[in-house]
């Protein structure tokens, strides 16, 4: 079973994503604090990370860059999620997210993007 790590400081959104993804056959772990991202990655070994841009006092874009720049995590697909951010020109190809999902998101869009990234991995 493919593993997804969903990171968002909004527990309601996490719960909805977890229900949708588990109902579609994925194993899902959640995290509300980006400070523990790399600990959780090491423990859970996700096949995909769904990462909100606004994480309280952290920026998911910076976390994405960190994931993509580390040898042990750079191959994990990252889908950034945000209601208000334009990502154009922010990333170099070497540390860019694999995809982007705008909030509020359509369930089918979420599942399509997840499926696309996991199929490509």
Protein backbone atom coordinates (compact mmCIF):
# COMPACT_ATOMS: atom_id res chain seq x y z
CA UNK A 1 0.00 0.00 0.00
CA UNK A 2 1.36 3.42 -0.95
CA UNK A 3 2.07 5.81 1.92
CA UNK A 4 1.18 9.49 1.94
CA UNK A 5 2.27 12.05 4.50
CA UNK A 6 -0.15 15.00 4.71
CA UNK A 7 1.18 18.13 6.44
CA UNK A 8 -1.19 20.99 7.33
CA UNK A 9 -1.71 23.04 10.49
CA UNK A 10 -5.49 22.85 9.98
CA UNK A 11 -6.62 19.58 11.59
CA UNK A 12 -10.01 19.67 9.83
CA UNK A 13 -8.36 19.76 6.40
CA UNK A 14 -5.98 16.97 7.44
CA UNK A 15 -8.89 14.83 8.58
CA UNK A 16 -10.75 15.37 5.29
CA UNK A 17 -7.65 14.57 3.21
CA UNK A 18 -6.96 11.49 5.30
CA UNK A 19 -10.52 10.18 4.89
CA UNK A 20 -10.52 10.80 1.13
CA UNK A 21 -7.12 9.20 0.57
CA UNK A 22 -7.69 6.21 2.86
CA UNK A 23 -11.05 5.60 1.18
CA UNK A 24 -9.11 5.45 -2.10
CA UNK A 25 -6.74 2.79 -0.80
CA UNK A 26 -3.77 4.81 0.45
CA UNK A 27 -2.12 4.62 3.86
CA UNK A 28 -2.01 8.13 5.33
CA UNK A 29 -0.10 9.72 8.18
CA UNK A 30 -0.70 13.32 9.19
CA UNK A 31 1.42 16.03 10.73
CA UNK A 32 0.33 19.45 11.99
CA UNK A 33 3.78 20.90 12.65
CA UNK A 34 6.45 21.29 9.98
CA UNK A 35 9.20 21.30 12.61
CA UNK A 36 8.86 17.51 12.82
CA UNK A 37 8.73 16.86 9.06
CA UNK A 38 12.07 15.11 8.69
CA UNK A 39 11.54 13.02 11.82
CA UNK A 40 8.20 11.88 10.42
CA UNK A 41 9.69 11.17 6.99
CA UNK A 42 12.39 9.02 8.59
CA UNK A 43 9.84 7.16 10.72
CA UNK A 44 7.04 6.77 8.14
CA UNK A 45 8.97 6.60 4.83
CA UNK A 46 6.20 8.16 2.69
CA UNK A 47 5.87 7.62 -1.06
CA UNK A 48 4.38 11.13 -1.40
CA UNK A 49 4.12 14.30 0.69
CA UNK A 50 1.14 16.68 0.60
CA UNK A 51 2.49 19.91 2.06
CA UNK A 52 0.55 23.06 2.91
CA UNK A 53 2.39 26.31 2.25
CA UNK A 54 1.08 28.16 5.34
CA UNK A 55 2.14 26.11 8.37
CA UNK A 56 1.70 28.49 11.25
CA UNK A 57 5.15 29.97 11.77
CA UNK A 58 6.73 27.91 8.96
CA UNK A 59 6.73 28.22 5.19
CA UNK A 60 5.94 25.01 3.31
CA UNK A 61 7.83 26.33 0.30
CA UNK A 62 11.03 26.33 2.35
CA UNK A 63 10.27 22.85 3.66
CA UNK A 64 9.74 21.68 0.09
CA UNK A 65 13.12 23.10 -0.89
CA UNK A 66 14.68 21.27 2.07
CA UNK A 67 13.04 17.96 1.10
CA UNK A 68 14.17 18.33 -2.51
CA UNK A 69 17.73 19.31 -1.57
CA UNK A 70 18.48 16.38 0.76
CA UNK A 71 19.89 13.25 -0.81
CA UNK A 72 17.74 10.93 1.31
CA UNK A 73 14.45 12.68 0.47
CA UNK A 74 14.86 14.36 -2.93
CA UNK A 75 13.07 11.53 -4.76
CA UNK A 76 9.87 11.82 -2.70
CA UNK A 77 7.20 13.62 -4.76
CA UNK A 78 5.87 16.76 -3.06
CA UNK A 79 2.51 18.37 -3.83
CA UNK A 80 2.24 21.87 -2.34
CA UNK A 81 -1.21 23.01 -1.25
CA UNK A 82 -2.27 26.64 -0.82
CA UNK A 83 -5.21 28.99 -1.02
CA UNK A 84 -3.25 32.11 -1.79
CA UNK A 85 0.21 31.66 -3.24
CA UNK A 86 1.63 31.99 -6.71
CA UNK A 87 4.63 29.71 -7.15
CA UNK A 88 5.92 30.93 -10.49
CA UNK A 89 9.58 31.82 -10.43
CA UNK A 90 10.03 30.80 -6.80
CA UNK A 91 11.79 27.47 -7.29
CA UNK A 92 14.73 26.19 -9.27
CA UNK A 93 13.97 22.96 -11.15
CA UNK A 94 16.16 21.03 -8.69
CA UNK A 95 14.09 21.97 -5.62
CA UNK A 96 10.62 22.57 -7.06
CA UNK A 97 7.49 20.74 -5.92
CA UNK A 98 6.23 18.04 -8.24
CA UNK A 99 2.77 19.59 -8.39
CA UNK A 100 0.51 22.20 -6.83
CA UNK A 101 -3.06 21.98 -5.52
CA UNK A 102 -5.13 25.09 -4.84
CA UNK A 103 -7.49 25.32 -1.85
CA UNK A 104 -10.34 24.78 -1.73
CA UNK A 105 -9.58 21.65 -3.68
CA UNK A 106 -11.85 19.34 -5.61
CA UNK A 107 -11.67 15.74 -4.35
CA UNK A 108 -11.10 14.43 -7.87
CA UNK A 109 -8.28 16.92 -8.44
CA UNK A 110 -6.59 15.77 -5.23
CA UNK A 111 -6.90 12.11 -6.18
CA UNK A 112 -5.78 12.73 -9.78
CA UNK A 113 -2.66 14.62 -8.69
CA UNK A 114 -1.79 12.00 -6.07
CA UNK A 115 -2.30 9.17 -8.54
CA UNK A 116 -0.22 10.93 -11.22
CA UNK A 117 2.72 11.51 -8.85
CA UNK A 118 2.65 8.00 -7.39
CA UNK A 119 2.42 6.44 -10.86
CA UNK A 120 5.46 8.42 -12.01
CA UNK A 121 7.57 7.51 -8.98
